[in-house]
Protein backbone atom coordinates (compact mmCIF):
# COMPACT_ATOMS: atom_id res chain seq x y z
CA MET A 1 -41.54 58.77 -21.49
CA ASP A 2 -40.09 58.67 -24.98
CA GLY A 3 -42.18 61.63 -25.81
CA VAL A 4 -40.69 63.76 -23.32
CA VAL A 5 -37.05 62.46 -23.66
CA SER A 6 -37.18 63.01 -27.58
CA LEU A 7 -37.68 66.78 -27.30
CA ASN A 8 -34.13 67.05 -26.51
CA PRO A 9 -32.56 63.72 -25.34
CA PRO A 10 -29.34 65.11 -23.64
CA LEU A 11 -31.33 67.93 -21.84
CA MET A 12 -34.13 65.75 -20.75
CA LEU A 13 -31.81 62.83 -19.83
CA ALA A 14 -29.73 65.09 -17.58
CA LEU A 15 -32.71 66.54 -15.84
CA ILE A 16 -34.28 63.36 -15.20
CA ALA A 17 -30.87 62.02 -13.78
CA MET A 18 -30.56 65.05 -11.62
CA SER A 19 -34.05 65.24 -10.36
CA SER A 20 -34.34 61.59 -9.70
CA ALA A 21 -30.88 61.48 -7.80
CA GLN A 22 -32.30 64.33 -5.63
CA LEU A 23 -35.53 62.59 -5.10
CA PHE A 24 -33.66 59.60 -4.06
CA LYS A 25 -31.54 61.58 -1.22
CA PHE A 26 -34.85 63.15 0.02
CA ILE A 27 -36.61 59.72 0.08
CA VAL A 28 -33.62 58.09 1.99
CA ALA A 29 -33.33 61.09 4.37
CA TRP A 30 -37.08 60.85 5.00
CA ILE A 31 -37.00 57.03 5.87
CA TRP A 32 -33.63 57.54 7.78
CA TYR A 33 -34.76 60.49 10.08
CA GLY A 34 -38.58 60.07 9.90
CA ARG A 35 -39.35 63.42 8.58
CA ALA A 36 -39.40 65.27 5.35
CA ASP A 37 -36.35 67.51 4.74
CA PHE A 38 -37.34 69.32 1.52
CA ARG A 39 -33.81 70.83 1.55
CA ARG A 40 -32.64 67.47 0.14
CA LEU A 41 -34.57 68.08 -3.00
CA VAL A 42 -32.45 71.08 -3.98
CA GLY A 43 -29.39 70.87 -1.76
CA THR A 44 -26.00 69.86 -2.39
CA GLY A 45 -23.95 66.92 -1.24
CA GLY A 46 -24.85 63.44 -0.36
CA MET A 47 -25.14 60.11 -2.01
CA PRO A 48 -25.32 59.87 -4.90
CA SER A 49 -24.11 62.98 -6.55
CA ALA A 50 -26.89 64.48 -8.65
CA HIS A 51 -24.29 66.86 -10.33
CA SER A 52 -22.29 63.79 -11.42
CA ALA A 53 -25.35 61.97 -12.50
CA SER A 54 -26.65 64.92 -14.55
CA VAL A 55 -23.60 65.86 -16.26
CA THR A 56 -22.65 62.15 -17.01
CA ALA A 57 -26.09 61.67 -18.60
CA LEU A 58 -25.76 64.76 -20.58
CA THR A 59 -22.16 63.53 -21.71
CA ILE A 60 -23.43 60.15 -22.63
CA ALA A 61 -26.53 61.46 -24.34
CA VAL A 62 -24.49 63.66 -26.45
CA GLY A 63 -22.17 60.95 -27.32
CA LEU A 64 -25.06 58.80 -28.71
CA GLU A 65 -26.64 61.77 -30.34
CA ALA A 66 -23.75 63.69 -32.05
CA GLY A 67 -21.02 60.89 -32.05
CA TRP A 68 -18.05 60.00 -29.79
CA GLY A 69 -15.72 61.95 -31.93
CA SER A 70 -17.72 65.09 -32.07
CA THR A 71 -16.61 68.41 -30.70
CA LEU A 72 -19.83 68.55 -28.71
CA PHE A 73 -18.96 65.33 -26.92
CA GLY A 74 -15.57 66.48 -26.18
CA ALA A 75 -16.77 69.90 -24.76
CA THR A 76 -19.46 68.04 -22.57
CA ALA A 77 -16.93 65.31 -21.43
CA PHE A 78 -14.38 67.96 -20.37
CA PHE A 79 -17.35 69.83 -18.63
CA SER A 80 -18.37 66.97 -16.78
CA LEU A 81 -14.89 66.22 -15.36
CA VAL A 82 -14.50 69.70 -14.15
CA ILE A 83 -17.90 69.45 -12.61
CA MET A 84 -16.93 66.22 -10.84
CA TYR A 85 -13.53 67.41 -9.93
CA ASP A 86 -15.00 70.57 -8.38
CA ALA A 87 -17.39 68.42 -6.41
CA THR A 88 -14.71 66.31 -4.85
CA GLY A 89 -11.95 68.81 -4.43
CA ILE A 90 -13.22 72.59 -3.97
CA ARG A 91 -16.81 72.12 -2.66
CA ARG A 92 -15.74 69.27 -0.43
CA ALA A 93 -12.83 71.48 1.12
CA ALA A 94 -15.22 74.43 1.41
CA GLY A 95 -17.56 72.02 3.45
CA ARG A 96 -14.92 71.01 5.82
CA GLN A 97 -13.95 74.34 6.53
CA ALA A 98 -17.47 75.18 7.24
CA GLN A 99 -17.46 72.46 9.77
CA ILE A 100 -14.49 73.90 11.44
CA LEU A 101 -15.77 77.38 11.54
CA ASN A 102 -19.09 76.37 12.89
CA ARG A 103 -17.30 74.49 15.63
CA MET A 104 -15.26 77.52 16.47
CA LEU A 105 -18.30 79.75 16.63
CA ASP A 106 -19.96 77.22 18.85
CA GLU A 107 -17.06 77.34 21.24
CA LEU A 108 -16.66 81.20 20.91
CA LYS A 109 -20.37 82.05 21.73
CA ASP A 110 -19.74 81.23 25.29
CA TYR A 111 -17.33 83.95 25.55
CA HIS A 112 -18.63 86.51 22.86
CA LYS A 113 -21.50 87.86 21.51
CA LEU A 114 -22.00 86.24 18.12
CA GLU A 115 -24.77 85.79 15.58
CA PRO A 116 -26.14 82.41 15.57
CA VAL A 117 -25.49 81.98 11.74
CA ARG A 118 -24.07 78.59 10.86
CA LEU A 119 -22.33 78.04 7.50
CA LYS A 120 -23.62 75.32 5.18
CA GLU A 121 -21.48 72.17 5.62
CA LEU A 122 -22.88 69.81 3.13
CA LEU A 123 -21.42 71.31 -0.12
CA GLY A 124 -19.32 68.55 -1.78
CA HIS A 125 -19.01 64.80 -2.31
CA THR A 126 -16.75 61.95 -1.36
CA PRO A 127 -15.08 60.29 -4.45
CA LEU A 128 -17.51 57.43 -4.05
CA GLU A 129 -20.57 59.70 -4.22
CA VAL A 130 -19.29 61.09 -7.37
CA LEU A 131 -18.58 57.67 -8.68
CA LEU A 132 -22.05 56.26 -7.97
CA GLY A 133 -23.55 59.68 -9.20
CA ALA A 134 -21.70 59.10 -12.55
CA ALA A 135 -22.70 55.34 -12.89
CA TYR A 136 -26.30 56.46 -12.02
CA GLY A 137 -26.25 59.10 -14.91
CA PHE A 138 -24.79 56.54 -17.27
CA LEU A 139 -27.35 54.07 -16.71
CA ILE A 140 -30.19 56.57 -17.06
CA ALA A 141 -28.80 57.91 -20.36
CA VAL A 142 -28.30 54.16 -21.76
CA LEU A 143 -31.39 52.90 -20.43
CA LEU A 144 -33.53 55.87 -21.58
CA HIS A 145 -32.16 57.17 -24.73
CA SER A 146 -34.26 56.15 -27.65
């Protein structure tokens, strides 16, 4: 693994954190529902936040590589905070709105001719999902960084 990570440690660690978090969600969903849902490999939402895991791994790896006082670390730290804020704020609110609109469509379809297009509801994360994703990304970066 050191050979792969050493190509570009921050990038590789971010990709490892994201892909392993998504794989974890896929496996848990498979066990829980008894069937493979391949959308969990690339979909948004769920525990842990793969976005938070990846940006945290990236930020920690940049800090380890470039230094905690570097401009690059500052930029990636800020970028990570924006991503995590977006996951718990804007994307989560959009997911809640999609749930409400889908319920409204279900009720209206009995009285009106409507297209059966449902909006995607699992868009954002709870604060706990983001926190655990960030903790996972931190662990990946610290444990796998050479």
